[in-house]
Amino acid sequence: MTMFFPSPVSRETQTCRPECGACCVAPSINSPIPGMPNGKPANVRCVQLGIHNECLLFGQPDRPSFCGGLKPNPEMCGNSRQEALLWLSLMEAATRPDQVSEK
């Protein structure tokens, strides 16, 4: 299922929406995060998410590679934080090991 929402996220600069942080809440992260040695379950706020929903590890070597791989784009970010949370939650559910079938 492909979802597309026109978005205020710029295609040219691909910058994050201020005070969003959806990608630091919705997905699970299996690698250690400072303060979360066992990673982060889905739909749990990362302890490294600041009070303005900014990543406190951005640009730091201990930032998980999964986080660095998430790049803001119109499909993922939608028009609002709520749309981003929905899209990321749907992707999380669709890629859970118990939902992915071997071909």
Foldseek 3Di string as FASTA:
>chain_A
DFDFADEPQDPVPQDDDWLQLLVQAAAWDQPQAVVRRRTGHGRHHDPQQDPSRDGVCVPHPRDDVVVVPDTHDRRQPHHGSVSNNVSSNVVRVCPDPVNDDDD
